[in-house]
Amino acid sequence: MKKFFFPLLIILLTACTAPPPDGFNAYLISQEFARLQLSDPDGAVFVDGLYVADDNGDSTFRVKAAVDVRNAFGGTVRSSYVASLRYKGGPWEDIANWQLIKLQFD
């Protein structure tokens, strides 16, 4: 029984450990922080081909991205933003596991 239990324990512990987030994960989280700053977050369309995410090490990321937003006249305007983020641990999909250091729209 002990011969079976130990390898099973190792497999379970390995499966529960998620890999650290990458630049694409930081980009997705930056979208959520950006939506919180927009007057019409539901109308925002993020341009996936126009982003750069740099892993600065020490669980920090810098994301430059573009988003199409509706203006007060109903037209669409492309805006860009730069977000600095820090991953605090836990599931990367949870925005509560991230700290927004800075967010600036151009």
N, C-alpha and C. Protein backbone atom coordinates (compact mmCIF):
# COMPACT_ATOMS: atom_id res chain seq x y z
N MET A 1 0.82 -1.20 0.00
CA MET A 1 0.00 0.00 0.00
C MET A 1 0.86 1.26 0.00
N LYS A 2 1.96 1.27 0.78
CA LYS A 2 2.83 2.44 0.83
C LYS A 2 3.49 2.69 -0.53
N LYS A 3 3.79 1.62 -1.25
CA LYS A 3 4.43 1.78 -2.56
C LYS A 3 3.50 2.48 -3.54
N PHE A 4 2.21 2.29 -3.38
CA PHE A 4 1.23 2.91 -4.27
C PHE A 4 0.91 4.34 -3.83
N PHE A 5 0.86 4.59 -2.54
CA PHE A 5 0.44 5.88 -2.00
C PHE A 5 1.44 7.00 -2.32
N PHE A 6 2.72 6.77 -2.14
CA PHE A 6 3.72 7.82 -2.33
C PHE A 6 3.74 8.36 -3.76
N PRO A 7 3.82 7.51 -4.80
CA PRO A 7 3.78 8.06 -6.17
C PRO A 7 2.47 8.79 -6.48
N LEU A 8 1.36 8.30 -5.93
CA LEU A 8 0.09 8.98 -6.14
C LEU A 8 0.10 10.36 -5.50
N LEU A 9 0.67 10.48 -4.32
CA LEU A 9 0.78 11.76 -3.64
C LEU A 9 1.62 12.75 -4.47
N ILE A 10 2.72 12.29 -5.01
CA ILE A 10 3.59 13.14 -5.85
C ILE A 10 2.82 13.61 -7.08
N ILE A 11 2.09 12.74 -7.71
CA ILE A 11 1.32 13.11 -8.90
C ILE A 11 0.26 14.15 -8.55
N LEU A 12 -0.44 13.96 -7.45
CA LEU A 12 -1.48 14.90 -7.05
C LEU A 12 -0.90 16.27 -6.71
N LEU A 13 0.22 16.31 -6.01
CA LEU A 13 0.84 17.59 -5.66
C LEU A 13 1.35 18.31 -6.91
N THR A 14 1.89 17.57 -7.85
CA THR A 14 2.38 18.17 -9.09
C THR A 14 1.22 18.72 -9.91
N ALA A 15 0.11 18.01 -9.94
CA ALA A 15 -1.05 18.45 -10.72
C ALA A 15 -1.69 19.69 -10.13
N CYS A 16 -1.57 19.89 -8.82
CA CYS A 16 -2.19 21.04 -8.17
C CYS A 16 -1.36 22.31 -8.28
N THR A 17 -0.13 22.19 -8.68
CA THR A 17 0.75 23.35 -8.80
C THR A 17 0.61 23.93 -10.20
N ALA A 18 0.05 25.11 -10.28
CA ALA A 18 -0.14 25.75 -11.58
C ALA A 18 1.15 26.45 -12.01
N PRO A 19 1.42 26.48 -13.31
CA PRO A 19 2.60 27.21 -13.77
C PRO A 19 2.40 28.70 -13.56
N PRO A 20 3.49 29.44 -13.45
CA PRO A 20 3.35 30.89 -13.28
C PRO A 20 2.74 31.52 -14.53
N PRO A 21 2.09 32.67 -14.39
CA PRO A 21 1.47 33.30 -15.55
C PRO A 21 2.53 33.80 -16.54
N ASP A 22 2.12 33.91 -17.79
CA ASP A 22 3.02 34.44 -18.81
C ASP A 22 2.47 35.79 -19.29
N GLY A 23 3.10 36.32 -20.30
CA GLY A 23 2.71 37.63 -20.81
C GLY A 23 1.28 37.68 -21.34
N PHE A 24 0.83 36.59 -21.97
CA PHE A 24 -0.54 36.57 -22.48
C PHE A 24 -1.54 36.60 -21.32
N ASN A 25 -1.24 35.88 -20.24
CA ASN A 25 -2.11 35.91 -19.07
C ASN A 25 -2.17 37.32 -18.49
N ALA A 26 -1.03 37.99 -18.43
CA ALA A 26 -0.99 39.37 -17.92
C ALA A 26 -1.81 40.29 -18.83
N TYR A 27 -1.75 40.07 -20.14
CA TYR A 27 -2.54 40.86 -21.08
C TYR A 27 -4.03 40.68 -20.81
N LEU A 28 -4.46 39.45 -20.58
CA LEU A 28 -5.88 39.20 -20.31
C LEU A 28 -6.33 39.88 -19.02
N ILE A 29 -5.50 39.84 -17.99
CA ILE A 29 -5.84 40.50 -16.73
C ILE A 29 -5.83 42.02 -16.90
N SER A 30 -4.90 42.53 -17.71
CA SER A 30 -4.85 43.97 -17.94
C SER A 30 -6.15 44.47 -18.57
N GLN A 31 -6.78 43.63 -19.39
CA GLN A 31 -8.06 44.00 -19.99
C GLN A 31 -9.11 44.24 -18.90
N GLU A 32 -9.10 43.41 -17.88
CA GLU A 32 -10.09 43.56 -16.80
C GLU A 32 -9.85 44.86 -16.03
N PHE A 33 -8.59 45.17 -15.75
CA PHE A 33 -8.28 46.43 -15.07
C PHE A 33 -8.64 47.62 -15.96
N ALA A 34 -8.40 47.51 -17.26
CA ALA A 34 -8.73 48.60 -18.18
C ALA A 34 -10.24 48.81 -18.25
N ARG A 35 -11.00 47.73 -18.29
CA ARG A 35 -12.47 47.84 -18.33
C ARG A 35 -13.01 48.64 -17.15
N LEU A 36 -12.37 48.49 -15.99
CA LEU A 36 -12.82 49.21 -14.80
C LEU A 36 -12.69 50.72 -14.95
N GLN A 37 -11.84 51.19 -15.88
CA GLN A 37 -11.61 52.61 -16.08
C GLN A 37 -12.44 53.20 -17.22
N LEU A 38 -13.09 52.35 -17.99
CA LEU A 38 -13.82 52.83 -19.17
C LEU A 38 -15.25 53.22 -18.82
N SER A 39 -15.76 54.25 -19.51
CA SER A 39 -17.14 54.69 -19.27
C SER A 39 -18.14 53.70 -19.88
N ASP A 40 -17.74 52.95 -20.91
CA ASP A 40 -18.60 51.94 -21.52
C ASP A 40 -17.82 50.63 -21.63
N PRO A 41 -17.61 49.94 -20.51
CA PRO A 41 -16.79 48.73 -20.54
C PRO A 41 -17.37 47.60 -21.39
N ASP A 42 -18.69 47.54 -21.51
CA ASP A 42 -19.31 46.48 -22.31
C ASP A 42 -19.09 46.68 -23.80
N GLY A 43 -18.86 47.91 -24.22
CA GLY A 43 -18.62 48.20 -25.63
C GLY A 43 -17.16 48.11 -26.04
N ALA A 44 -16.28 47.82 -25.10
CA ALA A 44 -14.85 47.76 -25.38
C ALA A 44 -14.50 46.49 -26.18
N VAL A 45 -13.69 46.68 -27.20
CA VAL A 45 -13.20 45.56 -28.00
C VAL A 45 -11.67 45.65 -28.00
N PHE A 46 -11.03 44.68 -27.37
CA PHE A 46 -9.57 44.68 -27.29
C PHE A 46 -9.01 44.08 -28.56
N VAL A 47 -7.98 44.72 -29.09
CA VAL A 47 -7.38 44.32 -30.36
C VAL A 47 -6.24 43.37 -30.05
N ASP A 48 -6.52 42.05 -30.13
CA ASP A 48 -5.56 41.04 -29.69
C ASP A 48 -4.24 41.08 -30.45
N GLY A 49 -4.25 41.51 -31.69
CA GLY A 49 -3.02 41.55 -32.46
C GLY A 49 -2.13 42.73 -32.11
N LEU A 50 -2.63 43.66 -31.31
CA LEU A 50 -1.87 44.87 -30.99
C LEU A 50 -1.56 44.96 -29.50
N TYR A 51 -0.83 43.99 -29.00
CA TYR A 51 -0.38 44.07 -27.61
C TYR A 51 1.04 43.56 -27.50
N VAL A 52 1.74 44.09 -26.53
CA VAL A 52 3.08 43.62 -26.18
C VAL A 52 3.09 43.46 -24.67
N ALA A 53 3.51 42.31 -24.20
CA ALA A 53 3.57 42.05 -22.77
C ALA A 53 4.98 41.64 -22.41
N ASP A 54 5.61 42.40 -21.55
CA ASP A 54 6.97 42.12 -21.12
C ASP A 54 6.96 41.56 -19.71
N ASP A 55 7.63 40.43 -19.53
CA ASP A 55 7.81 39.86 -18.20
C ASP A 55 9.06 40.49 -17.62
N ASN A 56 8.89 41.33 -16.61
CA ASN A 56 10.02 42.05 -16.02
C ASN A 56 10.73 41.24 -14.94
N GLY A 57 10.29 40.02 -14.70
CA GLY A 57 10.83 39.22 -13.62
C GLY A 57 10.18 39.66 -12.31
N ASP A 58 10.44 38.93 -11.26
CA ASP A 58 9.89 39.26 -9.94
C ASP A 58 8.37 39.38 -9.98
N SER A 59 7.74 38.57 -10.85
CA SER A 59 6.28 38.51 -10.98
C SER A 59 5.64 39.82 -11.42
N THR A 60 6.37 40.67 -12.11
CA THR A 60 5.80 41.91 -12.63
C THR A 60 5.79 41.88 -14.15
N PHE A 61 4.77 42.52 -14.71
CA PHE A 61 4.59 42.56 -16.16
C PHE A 61 4.25 43.98 -16.57
N ARG A 62 4.64 44.32 -17.79
CA ARG A 62 4.27 45.60 -18.41
C ARG A 62 3.56 45.27 -19.70
N VAL A 63 2.33 45.73 -19.84
CA VAL A 63 1.50 45.41 -21.00
C VAL A 63 1.16 46.69 -21.74
N LYS A 64 1.43 46.72 -23.04
CA LYS A 64 0.98 47.80 -23.92
C LYS A 64 -0.07 47.18 -24.83
N ALA A 65 -1.24 47.80 -24.90
CA ALA A 65 -2.32 47.21 -25.69
C ALA A 65 -3.21 48.28 -26.28
N ALA A 66 -4.08 47.84 -27.21
CA ALA A 66 -5.03 48.74 -27.86
C ALA A 66 -6.44 48.23 -27.61
N VAL A 67 -7.36 49.19 -27.51
CA VAL A 67 -8.77 48.86 -27.29
C VAL A 67 -9.62 49.84 -28.09
N ASP A 68 -10.65 49.31 -28.73
CA ASP A 68 -11.61 50.15 -29.44
C ASP A 68 -12.76 50.42 -28.48
N VAL A 69 -13.06 51.71 -28.26
CA VAL A 69 -14.12 52.11 -27.33
C VAL A 69 -15.10 53.04 -28.04
N ARG A 70 -16.31 53.06 -27.54
CA ARG A 70 -17.32 53.97 -28.08
C ARG A 70 -17.20 55.32 -27.39
N ASN A 71 -17.27 56.36 -28.20
CA ASN A 71 -17.24 57.71 -27.61
C ASN A 71 -18.66 58.18 -27.33
N ALA A 72 -18.81 59.39 -26.87
CA ALA A 72 -20.11 59.93 -26.48
C ALA A 72 -21.07 60.06 -27.67
N PHE A 73 -20.54 60.09 -28.89
CA PHE A 73 -21.37 60.24 -30.09
C PHE A 73 -21.73 58.90 -30.71
N GLY A 74 -21.30 57.80 -30.09
CA GLY A 74 -21.60 56.47 -30.60
C GLY A 74 -20.58 55.94 -31.58
N GLY A 75 -19.56 56.74 -31.89
CA GLY A 75 -18.50 56.30 -32.79
C GLY A 75 -17.47 55.48 -32.04
N THR A 76 -16.66 54.78 -32.80
CA THR A 76 -15.61 53.96 -32.21
C THR A 76 -14.27 54.66 -32.35
N VAL A 77 -13.52 54.69 -31.25
CA VAL A 77 -12.20 55.31 -31.22
C VAL A 77 -11.21 54.29 -30.68
N ARG A 78 -10.05 54.20 -31.33
CA ARG A 78 -9.00 53.31 -30.83
C ARG A 78 -8.16 54.07 -29.83
N SER A 79 -7.96 53.45 -28.71
CA SER A 79 -7.14 54.01 -27.65
C SER A 79 -6.10 52.97 -27.26
N SER A 80 -5.02 53.43 -26.71
CA SER A 80 -4.00 52.49 -26.24
C SER A 80 -3.76 52.74 -24.76
N TYR A 81 -3.23 51.73 -24.10
CA TYR A 81 -2.93 51.86 -22.68
C TYR A 81 -1.66 51.09 -22.34
N VAL A 82 -1.08 51.46 -21.23
CA VAL A 82 0.06 50.76 -20.67
C VAL A 82 -0.30 50.40 -19.24
N ALA A 83 -0.16 49.13 -18.91
CA ALA A 83 -0.48 48.65 -17.56
C ALA A 83 0.74 47.97 -16.96
N SER A 84 1.03 48.30 -15.73
CA SER A 84 2.05 47.60 -14.96
C SER A 84 1.34 46.78 -13.90
N LEU A 85 1.64 45.48 -13.87
CA LEU A 85 0.94 44.55 -13.00
C LEU A 85 1.92 43.70 -12.20
N ARG A 86 1.48 43.27 -11.04
CA ARG A 86 2.26 42.33 -10.23
C ARG A 86 1.37 41.14 -9.89
N TYR A 87 1.87 39.95 -10.19
CA TYR A 87 1.16 38.72 -9.85
C TYR A 87 1.50 38.35 -8.42
N LYS A 88 0.46 38.12 -7.59
CA LYS A 88 0.66 37.86 -6.17
C LYS A 88 0.62 36.39 -5.81
N GLY A 89 0.24 35.53 -6.74
CA GLY A 89 0.14 34.10 -6.48
C GLY A 89 -1.29 33.64 -6.53
N GLY A 90 -1.49 32.35 -6.64
CA GLY A 90 -2.82 31.78 -6.76
C GLY A 90 -3.19 31.62 -8.22
N PRO A 91 -4.44 31.26 -8.49
CA PRO A 91 -4.88 31.11 -9.89
C PRO A 91 -4.76 32.44 -10.63
N TRP A 92 -4.07 32.43 -11.75
CA TRP A 92 -3.83 33.69 -12.47
C TRP A 92 -5.13 34.29 -13.00
N GLU A 93 -6.15 33.47 -13.20
CA GLU A 93 -7.41 33.95 -13.77
C GLU A 93 -8.18 34.88 -12.83
N ASP A 94 -7.86 34.86 -11.55
CA ASP A 94 -8.56 35.66 -10.55
C ASP A 94 -7.89 37.02 -10.43
N ILE A 95 -8.62 38.07 -10.77
CA ILE A 95 -8.05 39.43 -10.74
C ILE A 95 -7.60 39.81 -9.33
N ALA A 96 -8.17 39.19 -8.32
CA ALA A 96 -7.76 39.47 -6.93
C ALA A 96 -6.33 39.00 -6.66
N ASN A 97 -5.80 38.14 -7.52
CA ASN A 97 -4.43 37.65 -7.35
C ASN A 97 -3.41 38.54 -8.06
N TRP A 98 -3.84 39.69 -8.52
CA TRP A 98 -2.98 40.65 -9.22
C TRP A 98 -3.08 42.01 -8.54
N GLN A 99 -1.99 42.73 -8.60
CA GLN A 99 -1.97 44.11 -8.12
C GLN A 99 -1.72 45.02 -9.32
N LEU A 100 -2.58 46.01 -9.50
CA LEU A 100 -2.36 47.00 -10.54
C LEU A 100 -1.43 48.06 -9.98
N ILE A 101 -0.27 48.16 -10.58
CA ILE A 101 0.72 49.16 -10.14
C ILE A 101 0.42 50.50 -10.80
N LYS A 102 0.17 50.44 -12.11
CA LYS A 102 -0.11 51.68 -12.85
C LYS A 102 -0.88 51.33 -14.11
N LEU A 103 -1.82 52.20 -14.46
CA LEU A 103 -2.57 52.08 -15.70
C LEU A 103 -2.71 53.46 -16.30
N GLN A 104 -2.25 53.60 -17.54
CA GLN A 104 -2.30 54.89 -18.21
C GLN A 104 -2.83 54.73 -19.62
N PHE A 105 -3.88 55.48 -19.94
CA PHE A 105 -4.42 55.51 -21.30
C PHE A 105 -3.80 56.67 -22.06
N ASP A 106 -3.59 56.48 -23.34
CA ASP A 106 -3.07 57.57 -24.20
C ASP A 106 -4.21 58.30 -24.85
